[in-house]
PDB file of N, CA and C in Angstrom:
ATOM      1  N   MET A   1       8.305   8.516   9.157  1.00  0.00           N
ATOM      2  CA  MET A   1       8.124   8.082   7.438  1.00  0.00           C
ATOM      3  C   MET A   1       7.993   8.872   6.301  1.00  0.00           C
ATOM      4  N   GLY A   2       8.636  10.010   6.271  1.00  0.00           N
ATOM      5  CA  GLY A   2       8.887  10.893   5.493  1.00  0.00           C
ATOM      6  C   GLY A   2       9.918  10.943   4.031  1.00  0.00           C
ATOM      7  N   ARG A   3      10.538   9.857   4.390  1.00  0.00           N
ATOM      8  CA  ARG A   3      11.434  10.143   2.925  1.00  0.00           C
ATOM      9  C   ARG A   3      10.719  10.063   1.505  1.00  0.00           C
ATOM     10  N   HIS A   4      11.021  10.391   0.521  1.00  0.00           N
ATOM     11  CA  HIS A   4      10.958  10.543  -0.660  1.00  0.00           C
ATOM     12  C   HIS A   4      10.658   8.685  -1.051  1.00  0.00           C
ATOM     13  N   THR A   5      10.018   8.281  -1.557  1.00  0.00           N
ATOM     14  CA  THR A   5       9.631   6.691  -1.907  1.00  0.00           C
ATOM     15  C   THR A   5       9.434   6.958  -3.595  1.00  0.00           C
ATOM     16  N   ILE A   6       9.878   5.541  -3.959  1.00  0.00           N
ATOM     17  CA  ILE A   6       9.277   5.104  -5.466  1.00  0.00           C
ATOM     18  C   ILE A   6       9.286   3.288  -5.255  1.00  0.00           C
ATOM     19  N   ILE A   7       7.567   3.754  -5.701  1.00  0.00           N
ATOM     20  CA  ILE A   7       7.324   2.192  -5.448  1.00  0.00           C
ATOM     21  C   ILE A   7       7.763   1.398  -7.429  1.00  0.00           C
ATOM     22  N   LEU A   8       8.039   0.163  -7.386  1.00  0.00           N
ATOM     23  CA  LEU A   8       7.964  -1.054  -8.908  1.00  0.00           C
ATOM     24  C   LEU A   8       7.643  -1.638  -8.445  1.00  0.00           C
ATOM     25  N   ALA A   9       6.559  -1.997  -9.418  1.00  0.00           N
ATOM     26  CA  ALA A   9       6.301  -3.203  -9.448  1.00  0.00           C
ATOM     27  C   ALA A   9       5.871  -3.829 -11.157  1.00  0.00           C
ATOM     28  N   GLN A  10       6.235  -5.224 -11.377  1.00  0.00           N
ATOM     29  CA  GLN A  10       6.396  -5.792 -12.926  1.00  0.00           C
ATOM     30  C   GLN A  10       5.384  -7.259 -12.135  1.00  0.00           C
ATOM     31  N   PRO A  11       4.321  -7.633 -13.451  1.00  0.00           N
ATOM     32  CA  PRO A  11       4.022  -6.982 -14.093  1.00  0.00           C
ATOM     33  C   PRO A  11       2.957  -5.761 -14.198  1.00  0.00           C
ATOM     34  N   SER A  12       3.487  -4.638 -15.380  1.00  0.00           N
ATOM     35  CA  SER A  12       2.678  -3.445 -15.449  1.00  0.00           C
ATOM     36  C   SER A  12       1.739  -2.087 -15.012  1.00  0.00           C
ATOM     37  N   GLN A  13       2.674  -2.283 -14.153  1.00  0.00           N
ATOM     38  CA  GLN A  13       2.172  -0.672 -13.611  1.00  0.00           C
ATOM     39  C   GLN A  13       3.616  -0.237 -13.213  1.00  0.00           C
ATOM     40  N   ASN A  14       2.742   1.311 -13.725  1.00  0.00           N
ATOM     41  CA  ASN A  14       4.130   2.298 -13.518  1.00  0.00           C
ATOM     42  C   ASN A  14       4.414   2.566 -12.431  1.00  0.00           C
ATOM     43  N   PRO A  15       5.388   3.409 -12.393  1.00  0.00           N
ATOM     44  CA  PRO A  15       6.528   3.624 -11.689  1.00  0.00           C
ATOM     45  C   PRO A  15       5.438   4.510  -9.920  1.00  0.00           C
ATOM     46  N   GLY A  16       5.768   4.204  -9.246  1.00  0.00           N
ATOM     47  CA  GLY A  16       4.816   5.506  -8.520  1.00  0.00           C
ATOM     48  C   GLY A  16       5.724   6.885  -7.603  1.00  0.00           C
ATOM     49  N   ASP A  17       5.934   7.743  -7.757  1.00  0.00           N
ATOM     50  CA  ASP A  17       6.671   8.739  -7.227  1.00  0.00           C
ATOM     51  C   ASP A  17       6.063   9.399  -6.136  1.00  0.00           C
ATOM     52  N   PHE A  18       6.571   8.605  -4.355  1.00  0.00           N
ATOM     53  CA  PHE A  18       6.156   9.613  -4.036  1.00  0.00           C
ATOM     54  C   PHE A  18       6.812  10.348  -3.164  1.00  0.00           C
ATOM     55  N   ASP A  19       6.292  11.521  -2.101  1.00  0.00           N
ATOM     56  CA  ASP A  19       6.947  12.709  -1.176  1.00  0.00           C
ATOM     57  C   ASP A  19       7.348  11.963   0.422  1.00  0.00           C
ATOM     58  N   SER A  20       6.956  10.667   0.604  1.00  0.00           N
ATOM     59  CA  SER A  20       6.583  10.772   1.600  1.00  0.00           C
ATOM     60  C   SER A  20       6.267   8.543   1.501  1.00  0.00           C
ATOM     61  N   GLU A  21       7.051   7.925   2.508  1.00  0.00           N
ATOM     62  CA  GLU A  21       6.995   6.794   2.896  1.00  0.00           C
ATOM     63  C   GLU A  21       5.071   6.042   2.417  1.00  0.00           C
ATOM     64  N   ALA A  22       4.453   7.188   3.496  1.00  0.00           N
ATOM     65  CA  ALA A  22       3.269   6.893   3.794  1.00  0.00           C
ATOM     66  C   ALA A  22       2.481   7.053   2.606  1.00  0.00           C
ATOM     67  N   LEU A  23       2.264   8.065   1.787  1.00  0.00           N
ATOM     68  CA  LEU A  23       1.935   8.133   0.284  1.00  0.00           C
ATOM     69  C   LEU A  23       2.073   6.836  -0.279  1.00  0.00           C
ATOM     70  N   ALA A  24       3.006   6.340  -0.210  1.00  0.00           N
ATOM     71  CA  ALA A  24       3.503   5.265  -1.157  1.00  0.00           C
ATOM     72  C   ALA A  24       2.110   4.092  -0.099  1.00  0.00           C
ATOM     73  N   MET A  25       1.921   3.703   0.993  1.00  0.00           N
ATOM     74  CA  MET A  25       1.817   2.943   1.206  1.00  0.00           C
ATOM     75  C   MET A  25       0.639   3.035   1.272  1.00  0.00           C
ATOM     76  N   ASP A  26       0.280   4.270   1.236  1.00  0.00           N
ATOM     77  CA  ASP A  26      -1.511   4.792   0.467  1.00  0.00           C
ATOM     78  C   ASP A  26      -2.033   4.292  -0.731  1.00  0.00           C
ATOM     79  N   GLN A  27      -1.039   4.253  -1.687  1.00  0.00           N
ATOM     80  CA  GLN A  27      -1.012   3.934  -2.988  1.00  0.00           C
ATOM     81  C   GLN A  27      -1.308   2.781  -3.162  1.00  0.00           C
ATOM     82  N   ILE A  28      -0.317   1.600  -2.266  1.00  0.00           N
ATOM     83  CA  ILE A  28       0.073   0.732  -2.698  1.00  0.00           C
ATOM     84  C   ILE A  28      -1.335  -0.211  -2.234  1.00  0.00           C
ATOM     85  N   ALA A  29      -2.163  -0.413  -1.206  1.00  0.00           N
ATOM     86  CA  ALA A  29      -3.727  -0.128  -0.665  1.00  0.00           C
ATOM     87  C   ALA A  29      -3.927  -0.031  -1.600  1.00  0.00           C
ATOM     88  N   SER A  30      -4.708   1.291  -2.470  1.00  0.00           N
ATOM     89  CA  SER A  30      -5.258   2.304  -2.817  1.00  0.00           C
ATOM     90  C   SER A  30      -5.243   1.288  -4.499  1.00  0.00           C
ATOM     91  N   LEU A  31      -3.624   0.585  -5.284  1.00  0.00           N
ATOM     92  CA  LEU A  31      -4.349  -0.238  -5.584  1.00  0.00           C
ATOM     93  C   LEU A  31      -4.858  -1.369  -5.763  1.00  0.00           C
ATOM     94  N   TYR A  32      -4.761  -2.130  -5.295  1.00  0.00           N
ATOM     95  CA  TYR A  32      -5.572  -3.752  -4.432  1.00  0.00           C
ATOM     96  C   TYR A  32      -6.960  -2.620  -4.260  1.00  0.00           C
ATOM     97  N   GLU A  33      -7.333  -1.977  -3.579  1.00  0.00           N
ATOM     98  CA  GLU A  33      -8.817  -1.806  -3.601  1.00  0.00           C
ATOM     99  C   GLU A  33      -9.849  -1.349  -4.809  1.00  0.00           C
ATOM    100  N   GLN A  34      -8.674  -0.785  -6.010  1.00  0.00           N
ATOM    101  CA  GLN A  34      -9.248  -0.915  -7.513  1.00  0.00           C
ATOM    102  C   GLN A  34      -9.751  -1.908  -8.098  1.00  0.00           C
ATOM    103  N   ARG A  35      -8.840  -2.796  -7.666  1.00  0.00           N
ATOM    104  CA  ARG A  35      -9.395  -3.693  -8.431  1.00  0.00           C
ATOM    105  C   ARG A  35     -10.190  -5.266  -7.838  1.00  0.00           C
ATOM    106  N   LEU A  36     -10.259  -4.488  -6.135  1.00  0.00           N
ATOM    107  CA  LEU A  36     -11.785  -4.803  -5.209  1.00  0.00           C
ATOM    108  C   LEU A  36     -12.189  -4.571  -6.658  1.00  0.00           C
ATOM    109  N   ALA A  37     -12.122  -2.978  -6.288  1.00  0.00           N
ATOM    110  CA  ALA A  37     -14.399  -2.345  -6.757  1.00  0.00           C
ATOM    111  C   ALA A  37     -13.983  -2.809  -8.226  1.00  0.00           C
ATOM    112  N   LYS A  38     -12.994  -3.321  -8.914  1.00  0.00           N
ATOM    113  CA  LYS A  38     -13.639  -3.585 -10.359  1.00  0.00           C
ATOM    114  C   LYS A  38     -14.376  -4.826 -10.056  1.00  0.00           C
ATOM    115  N   GLU A  39     -13.618  -6.110  -9.735  1.00  0.00           N
ATOM    116  CA  GLU A  39     -14.071  -7.357  -9.417  1.00  0.00           C
ATOM    117  C   GLU A  39     -15.197  -7.656  -9.018  1.00  0.00           C
ATOM    118  N   ASN A  40     -15.630  -6.110  -8.253  1.00  0.00           N
ATOM    119  CA  ASN A  40     -17.035  -6.739  -7.359  1.00  0.00           C
ATOM    120  C   ASN A  40     -17.282  -5.484  -7.356  1.00  0.00           C
ATOM    121  N   PRO A  41     -18.363  -4.471  -8.753  1.00  0.00           N
ATOM    122  CA  PRO A  41     -18.985  -3.462  -8.845  1.00  0.00           C
ATOM    123  C   PRO A  41     -19.847  -3.251  -7.981  1.00  0.00           C
ATOM    124  N   GLN A  42     -20.462  -4.011  -7.763  1.00  0.00           N
ATOM    125  CA  GLN A  42     -21.564  -3.723  -7.061  1.00  0.00           C
ATOM    126  C   GLN A  42     -21.767  -3.449  -5.399  1.00  0.00           C
ATOM    127  N   ALA A  43     -20.922  -3.603  -4.828  1.00  0.00           N
ATOM    128  CA  ALA A  43     -20.034  -3.743  -3.971  1.00  0.00           C
ATOM    129  C   ALA A  43     -20.056  -2.036  -2.862  1.00  0.00           C
ATOM    130  N   GLY A  44     -20.415  -1.449  -2.420  1.00  0.00           N
ATOM    131  CA  GLY A  44     -20.946  -0.273  -1.357  1.00  0.00           C
ATOM    132  C   GLY A  44     -19.636   0.127  -1.098  1.00  0.00           C
ATOM    133  N   GLN A  45     -18.995  -1.009  -0.719  1.00  0.00           N
ATOM    134  CA  GLN A  45     -17.833  -0.887   0.915  1.00  0.00           C
ATOM    135  C   GLN A  45     -17.623  -2.424   0.481  1.00  0.00           C
ATOM    136  N   ILE A  46     -15.879  -2.149   1.352  1.00  0.00           N
ATOM    137  CA  ILE A  46     -15.108  -3.543  -0.058  1.00  0.00           C
ATOM    138  C   ILE A  46     -14.437  -3.308   2.019  1.00  0.00           C
ATOM    139  N   GLN A  47     -14.250  -4.869   2.266  1.00  0.00           N
ATOM    140  CA  GLN A  47     -13.476  -5.504   3.441  1.00  0.00           C
ATOM    141  C   GLN A  47     -12.328  -6.290   3.112  1.00  0.00           C
ATOM    142  N   TYR A  48     -11.496  -6.089   3.516  1.00  0.00           N
ATOM    143  CA  TYR A  48     -10.257  -6.548   3.846  1.00  0.00           C
ATOM    144  C   TYR A  48      -9.243  -6.889   4.828  1.00  0.00           C
ATOM    145  N   ARG A  49      -8.415  -7.842   4.849  1.00  0.00           N
ATOM    146  CA  ARG A  49      -7.328  -8.065   5.530  1.00  0.00           C
ATOM    147  C   ARG A  49      -6.189  -7.889   5.613  1.00  0.00           C
ATOM    148  N   ALA A  50      -5.452  -7.787   5.843  1.00  0.00           N
ATOM    149  CA  ALA A  50      -3.787  -7.375   5.986  1.00  0.00           C
ATOM    150  C   ALA A  50      -3.002  -8.695   4.539  1.00  0.00           C
ATOM    151  N   GLU A  51      -3.967  -9.822   5.345  1.00  0.00           N
ATOM    152  CA  GLU A  51      -3.255 -11.476   3.848  1.00  0.00           C
ATOM    153  C   GLU A  51      -3.829 -10.777   2.923  1.00  0.00           C
ATOM    154  N   ASP A  52      -4.773 -10.312   2.737  1.00  0.00           N
ATOM    155  CA  ASP A  52      -5.607 -10.075   1.831  1.00  0.00           C
ATOM    156  C   ASP A  52      -4.190  -9.487   0.574  1.00  0.00           C
ATOM    157  N   LEU A  53      -4.003  -8.334   1.197  1.00  0.00           N
ATOM    158  CA  LEU A  53      -3.560  -7.158   0.195  1.00  0.00           C
ATOM    159  C   LEU A  53      -1.763  -7.748   0.402  1.00  0.00           C
ATOM    160  N   PHE A  54      -1.591  -8.561   1.623  1.00  0.00           N
ATOM    161  CA  PHE A  54      -0.515  -9.163   1.067  1.00  0.00           C
ATOM    162  C   PHE A  54      -0.023 -10.313   0.197  1.00  0.00           C
ATOM    163  N   ARG A  55      -1.466 -11.195  -0.034  1.00  0.00           N
ATOM    164  CA  ARG A  55      -1.487 -11.921  -1.268  1.00  0.00           C
ATOM    165  C   ARG A  55      -1.253 -10.940  -2.833  1.00  0.00           C
ATOM    166  N   PHE A  56      -1.848  -9.403  -2.614  1.00  0.00           N
ATOM    167  CA  PHE A  56      -2.418  -9.529  -3.656  1.00  0.00           C
ATOM    168  C   PHE A  56      -0.646  -8.908  -4.843  1.00  0.00           C
ATOM    169  N   ILE A  57       0.225  -7.923  -3.660  1.00  0.00           N
ATOM    170  CA  ILE A  57       1.299  -8.043  -3.666  1.00  0.00           C
ATOM    171  C   ILE A  57       2.149  -9.084  -3.920  1.00  0.00           C
ATOM    172  N   ASP A  58       2.304 -10.339  -3.930  1.00  0.00           N
ATOM    173  CA  ASP A  58       2.961 -11.168  -4.037  1.00  0.00           C
ATOM    174  C   ASP A  58       2.549 -11.822  -5.739  1.00  0.00           C
ATOM    175  N   THR A  59       1.225 -11.523  -5.721  1.00  0.00           N
ATOM    176  CA  THR A  59       0.398 -11.765  -7.098  1.00  0.00           C
ATOM    177  C   THR A  59       1.727 -11.102  -7.948  1.00  0.00           C
ATOM    178  N   TYR A  60       2.806 -10.325  -8.228  1.00  0.00           N
ATOM    179  CA  TYR A  60       3.760  -8.996  -8.667  1.00  0.00           C
ATOM    180  C   TYR A  60       4.787 -10.285  -8.920  1.00  0.00           C
ATOM    181  N   LYS A  61       5.681 -10.153  -9.722  1.00  0.00           N
ATOM    182  CA  LYS A  61       6.539 -10.962 -10.430  1.00  0.00           C
ATOM    183  C   LYS A  61       7.644  -9.541  -9.373  1.00  0.00           C
ATOM    184  N   GLU A  62       7.767  -8.631  -9.298  1.00  0.00           N
ATOM    185  CA  GLU A  62       8.942  -7.146  -8.660  1.00  0.00           C
ATOM    186  C   GLU A  62       8.143  -6.665  -8.390  1.00  0.00           C
ATOM    187  N   PHE A  63       8.082  -6.614  -7.085  1.00  0.00           N
ATOM    188  CA  PHE A  63       8.117  -5.387  -6.330  1.00  0.00           C
ATOM    189  C   PHE A  63       7.811  -5.142  -5.196  1.00  0.00           C
ATOM    190  N   VAL A  64       8.640  -3.594  -5.708  1.00  0.00           N
ATOM    191  CA  VAL A  64       9.610  -2.444  -4.742  1.00  0.00           C
ATOM    192  C   VAL A  64       9.723  -1.109  -4.492  1.00  0.00           C
ATOM    193  N   ALA A  65      10.521  -1.072  -2.994  1.00  0.00           N
ATOM    194  CA  ALA A  65      10.418   0.382  -3.062  1.00  0.00           C
ATOM    195  C   ALA A  65      11.481   0.997  -2.899  1.00  0.00           C
ATOM    196  N   LEU A  66      12.079   2.088  -3.612  1.00  0.00           N
ATOM    197  CA  LEU A  66      13.296   2.705  -3.307  1.00  0.00           C
ATOM    198  C   LEU A  66      12.770   3.806  -2.278  1.00  0.00           C
ATOM    199  N   VAL A  67      13.398   3.451  -1.354  1.00  0.00           N
ATOM    200  CA  VAL A  67      13.564   4.842  -0.465  1.00  0.00           C
ATOM    201  C   VAL A  67      14.853   5.632  -0.061  1.00  0.00           C
ATOM    202  N   PHE A  68      14.370   6.970  -0.511  1.00  0.00           N
ATOM    203  CA  PHE A  68      15.648   7.786  -0.625  1.00  0.00           C
ATOM    204  C   PHE A  68      16.096   8.068   1.242  1.00  0.00           C
ATOM    205  N   ASP A  69      17.518   7.836   0.947  1.00  0.00           N
ATOM    206  CA  ASP A  69      18.245   7.916   2.264  1.00  0.00           C
ATOM    207  C   ASP A  69      18.704   9.550   2.604  1.00  0.00           C
ATOM    208  N   PRO A  70      18.656  10.255   3.207  1.00  0.00           N
ATOM    209  CA  PRO A  70      19.204  11.209   3.196  1.00  0.00           C
ATOM    210  C   PRO A  70      20.812  11.527   4.356  1.00  0.00           C
ATOM    211  N   HIS A  71      20.868  11.037   4.839  1.00  0.00           N
ATOM    212  CA  HIS A  71      22.412  10.316   5.037  1.00  0.00           C
ATOM    213  C   HIS A  71      23.592   9.624   4.085  1.00  0.00           C
ATOM    214  N   THR A  72      23.062   9.017   3.571  1.00  0.00           N
ATOM    215  CA  THR A  72      24.473   8.519   2.155  1.00  0.00           C
ATOM    216  C   THR A  72      23.589   9.370   1.159  1.00  0.00           C
ATOM    217  N   LEU A  73      22.489  10.639   0.927  1.00  0.00           N
ATOM    218  CA  LEU A  73      22.441  10.478  -0.420  1.00  0.00           C
ATOM    219  C   LEU A  73      22.172   9.448  -1.740  1.00  0.00           C
ATOM    220  N   THR A  74      21.343   8.687  -1.039  1.00  0.00           N
ATOM    221  CA  THR A  74      21.124   7.552  -2.420  1.00  0.00           C
ATOM    222  C   THR A  74      19.286   6.582  -1.738  1.00  0.00           C
ATOM    223  N   TYR A  75      19.029   6.112  -2.720  1.00  0.00           N
ATOM    224  CA  TYR A  75      18.408   5.496  -2.930  1.00  0.00           C
ATOM    225  C   TYR A  75      18.321   3.876  -2.075  1.00  0.00           C
ATOM    226  N   GLN A  76      17.958   3.739  -0.633  1.00  0.00           N
ATOM    227  CA  GLN A  76      17.705   2.108  -1.271  1.00  0.00           C
ATOM    228  C   GLN A  76      16.735   1.042  -1.596  1.00  0.00           C
ATOM    229  N   PRO A  77      17.356  -0.379  -2.043  1.00  0.00           N
ATOM    230  CA  PRO A  77      16.177  -0.904  -2.678  1.00  0.00           C
ATOM    231  C   PRO A  77      15.575  -1.397  -1.498  1.00  0.00           C
ATOM    232  N   ARG A  78      14.124  -1.648  -0.982  1.00  0.00           N
ATOM    233  CA  ARG A  78      13.459  -2.629  -0.249  1.00  0.00           C
ATOM    234  C   ARG A  78      12.258  -3.142  -0.623  1.00  0.00           C
ATOM    235  N   ASP A  79      12.628  -4.298  -0.230  1.00  0.00           N
ATOM    236  CA  ASP A  79      11.730  -6.191  -1.100  1.00  0.00           C
ATOM    237  C   ASP A  79      10.187  -5.760  -0.197  1.00  0.00           C
ATOM    238  N   LYS A  80       9.496  -7.053  -0.418  1.00  0.00           N
ATOM    239  CA  LYS A  80       8.115  -7.359  -0.464  1.00  0.00           C
ATOM    240  C   LYS A  80       7.435  -7.331   1.000  1.00  0.00           C
ATOM    241  N   GLU A  81       9.191  -8.187   1.706  1.00  0.00           N
ATOM    242  CA  GLU A  81       8.108  -7.874   3.257  1.00  0.00           C
ATOM    243  C   GLU A  81       8.865  -6.972   3.898  1.00  0.00           C
ATOM    244  N   TRP A  82       9.495  -5.988   3.187  1.00  0.00           N
ATOM    245  CA  TRP A  82       9.704  -5.002   3.764  1.00  0.00           C
ATOM    246  C   TRP A  82       8.830  -3.506   3.887  1.00  0.00           C
ATOM    247  N   ILE A  83       8.104  -3.837   2.496  1.00  0.00           N
ATOM    248  CA  ILE A  83       7.331  -2.928   2.335  1.00  0.00           C
ATOM    249  C   ILE A  83       5.410  -3.964   3.257  1.00  0.00           C
ATOM    250  N   LYS A  84       5.922  -5.419   3.245  1.00  0.00           N
ATOM    251  CA  LYS A  84       4.790  -5.478   4.049  1.00  0.00           C
ATOM    252  C   LYS A  84       4.821  -5.312   5.406  1.00  0.00           C
ATOM    253  N   ASP A  85       5.487  -5.246   6.150  1.00  0.00           N
ATOM    254  CA  ASP A  85       5.502  -4.739   7.453  1.00  0.00           C
ATOM    255  C   ASP A  85       6.294  -3.187   7.318  1.00  0.00           C
ATOM    256  N   ARG A  86       6.005  -2.190   6.742  1.00  0.00           N
ATOM    257  CA  ARG A  86       5.181  -0.931   6.731  1.00  0.00           C
ATOM    258  C   ARG A  86       4.105  -0.766   6.628  1.00  0.00           C
ATOM    259  N   LEU A  87       3.135  -2.150   5.687  1.00  0.00           N
ATOM    260  CA  LEU A  87       1.881  -1.254   5.465  1.00  0.00           C
ATOM    261  C   LEU A  87       0.901  -1.606   7.029  1.00  0.00           C
ATOM    262  N   ILE A  88       1.895  -2.208   7.491  1.00  0.00           N
ATOM    263  CA  ILE A  88       1.305  -2.988   8.579  1.00  0.00           C
ATOM    264  C   ILE A  88       1.348  -1.908   9.309  1.00  0.00           C
ATOM    265  N   THR A  89       2.612  -1.390   9.691  1.00  0.00           N
ATOM    266  CA  THR A  89       3.281   0.183  10.888  1.00  0.00           C
ATOM    267  C   THR A  89       2.408   0.454  10.760  1.00  0.00           C
ATOM    268  N   HIS A  90       1.962   1.242   8.866  1.00  0.00           N
ATOM    269  CA  HIS A  90       1.234   2.513   8.439  1.00  0.00           C
ATOM    270  C   HIS A  90      -0.045   2.330   8.964  1.00  0.00           C
ATOM    271  N   PHE A  91      -0.361   1.193   8.875  1.00  0.00           N
ATOM    272  CA  PHE A  91      -1.778   1.546   9.296  1.00  0.00           C
ATOM    273  C   PHE A  91      -2.284   1.228  10.558  1.00  0.00           C
ATOM    274  N   SER A  92      -1.576   0.544  11.537  1.00  0.00           N
ATOM    275  CA  SER A  92      -1.698   0.499  12.288  1.00  0.00           C
ATOM    276  C   SER A  92      -1.558   1.479  13.442  1.00  0.00           C
ATOM    277  N   ARG A  93      -0.855   2.667  12.703  1.00  0.00           N
ATOM    278  CA  ARG A  93      -1.004   4.107  13.285  1.00  0.00           C
ATOM    279  C   ARG A  93      -2.592   4.951  13.025  1.00  0.00           C
ATOM    280  N   GLN A  94      -3.485   4.800  11.875  1.00  0.00           N
ATOM    281  CA  GLN A  94      -4.546   4.871  11.821  1.00  0.00           C
ATOM    282  C   GLN A  94      -5.813   4.113  12.958  1.00  0.00           C
ATOM    283  N   GLN A  95      -5.375   3.357  13.262  1.00  0.00           N
ATOM    284  CA  GLN A  95      -6.403   1.806  13.534  1.00  0.00           C
ATOM    285  C   GLN A  95      -6.694   2.598  15.229  1.00  0.00           C
ATOM    286  N   PRO A  96      -7.869   3.234  15.362  1.00  0.00           N
ATOM    287  CA  PRO A  96      -8.294   3.236  16.942  1.00  0.00           C
ATOM    288  C   PRO A  96      -9.371   2.267  17.373  1.00  0.00           C
ATOM    289  N   ASP A  97      -8.933   0.628  16.835  1.00  0.00           N
ATOM    290  CA  ASP A  97      -9.347  -0.163  17.299  1.00  0.00           C
ATOM    291  C   ASP A  97      -8.847  -1.335  17.021  1.00  0.00           C
ATOM    292  N   PRO A  98      -8.427  -2.607  18.035  1.00  0.00           N
ATOM    293  CA  PRO A  98      -7.203  -3.403  18.277  1.00  0.00           C
ATOM    294  C   PRO A  98      -6.907  -4.533  16.973  1.00  0.00           C
ATOM    295  N   GLN A  99      -7.857  -3.768  15.865  1.00  0.00           N
ATOM    296  CA  GLN A  99      -7.771  -4.813  14.140  1.00  0.00           C
ATOM    297  C   GLN A  99      -6.824  -4.067  13.437  1.00  0.00           C
ATOM    298  N   PRO A 100      -5.760  -3.720  13.748  1.00  0.00           N
ATOM    299  CA  PRO A 100      -5.044  -2.779  12.552  1.00  0.00           C
ATOM    300  C   PRO A 100      -4.687  -3.680  11.031  1.00  0.00           C
ATOM    301  N   ALA A 101      -5.112  -4.774  10.922  1.00  0.00           N
ATOM    302  CA  ALA A 101      -4.618  -5.265   9.924  1.00  0.00           C
ATOM    303  C   ALA A 101      -6.042  -5.458   8.769  1.00  0.00           C
ATOM    304  N   LEU A 102      -7.080  -4.498   9.582  1.00  0.00           N
ATOM    305  CA  LEU A 102      -8.582  -4.782   8.947  1.00  0.00           C
ATOM    306  C   LEU A 102      -8.879  -2.925   8.223  1.00  0.00           C
ATOM    307  N   ARG A 103      -8.820  -3.629   6.809  1.00  0.00           N
ATOM    308  CA  ARG A 103      -8.675  -1.814   5.938  1.00  0.00           C
ATOM    309  C   ARG A 103     -10.425  -2.276   5.812  1.00  0.00           C
ATOM    310  N   GLN A 104     -11.157  -0.924   5.442  1.00  0.00           N
ATOM    311  CA  GLN A 104     -12.727  -1.098   5.012  1.00  0.00           C
ATOM    312  C   GLN A 104     -12.481   0.152   3.427  1.00  0.00           C
ATOM    313  N   SER A 105     -13.121  -0.868   2.671  1.00  0.00           N
ATOM    314  CA  SER A 105     -13.082   0.432   1.359  1.00  0.00           C
ATOM    315  C   SER A 105     -14.563   1.039   0.754  1.00  0.00           C
ATOM    316  N   SER A 106     -13.868   2.411   0.359  1.00  0.00           N
ATOM    317  CA  SER A 106     -15.483   3.000  -0.430  1.00  0.00           C
ATOM    318  C   SER A 106     -15.471   3.395  -1.675  1.00  0.00           C
ATOM    319  N   GLN A 107     -15.701   2.897  -3.029  1.00  0.00           N
ATOM    320  CA  GLN A 107     -15.678   3.463  -4.293  1.00  0.00           C
ATOM    321  C   GLN A 107     -15.269   5.076  -4.079  1.00  0.00           C
ATOM    322  N   THR A 108     -15.696   5.373  -2.817  1.00  0.00           N
ATOM    323  CA  THR A 108     -15.908   7.079  -2.575  1.00  0.00           C
ATOM    324  C   THR A 108     -14.799   7.290  -1.303  1.00  0.00           C
ATOM    325  N   ARG A 109     -13.873   8.000  -1.610  1.00  0.00           N
ATOM    326  CA  ARG A 109     -12.462   7.676  -1.433  1.00  0.00           C
ATOM    327  C   ARG A 109     -13.419   8.877   0.111  1.00  0.00           C
ATOM    328  N   ARG A 110     -14.214   9.417  -0.181  1.00  0.00           N
ATOM    329  CA  ARG A 110     -14.787  10.474   1.261  1.00  0.00           C
ATOM    330  C   ARG A 110     -15.551   8.986   1.939  1.00  0.00           C
ATOM    331  N   ASN A 111     -15.132   8.155   1.963  1.00  0.00           N
ATOM    332  CA  ASN A 111     -16.220   7.296   3.399  1.00  0.00           C
ATOM    333  C   ASN A 111     -15.022   6.258   3.379  1.00  0.00           C
ATOM    334  N   LYS A 112     -13.958   6.618   3.169  1.00  0.00           N
ATOM    335  CA  LYS A 112     -12.975   5.078   3.666  1.00  0.00           C
ATOM    336  C   LYS A 112     -12.441   5.322   5.295  1.00  0.00           C
ATOM    337  N   ARG A 113     -12.433   4.020   5.627  1.00  0.00           N
ATOM    338  CA  ARG A 113     -11.803   4.239   7.062  1.00  0.00           C
ATOM    339  C   ARG A 113     -11.071   3.004   7.069  1.00  0.00           C
ATOM    340  N   TYR A 114     -10.614   3.233   8.259  1.00  0.00           N
ATOM    341  CA  TYR A 114      -8.888   1.754   8.260  1.00  0.00           C
ATOM    342  C   TYR A 114      -9.695   1.523   9.344  1.00  0.00           C
TER     343      TYR A 114
END
């Protein structure tokens, strides 16, 4: 997952430019966590499942990734379903327990657990 990745979401998100797919996936989750923190300011820790994150992605008219392909030297467009698959793969690699779709977030990034 070391390919340069650009995330485009409409409406109202600035493009995200990341050195790797992994960083892009972290940022997508972070966008959702920021929304949850804003909606639940008193919550010290927020828990959500992959389905919640997917619904968040689906609220956008457009949510795509442009992933650099070093073989063709071009950016390949990837849709929401591809992003969702990559999110599951990405967070599964970080999960020591059998629930890879569960993610916990704290408003302080130091306490973030997957």
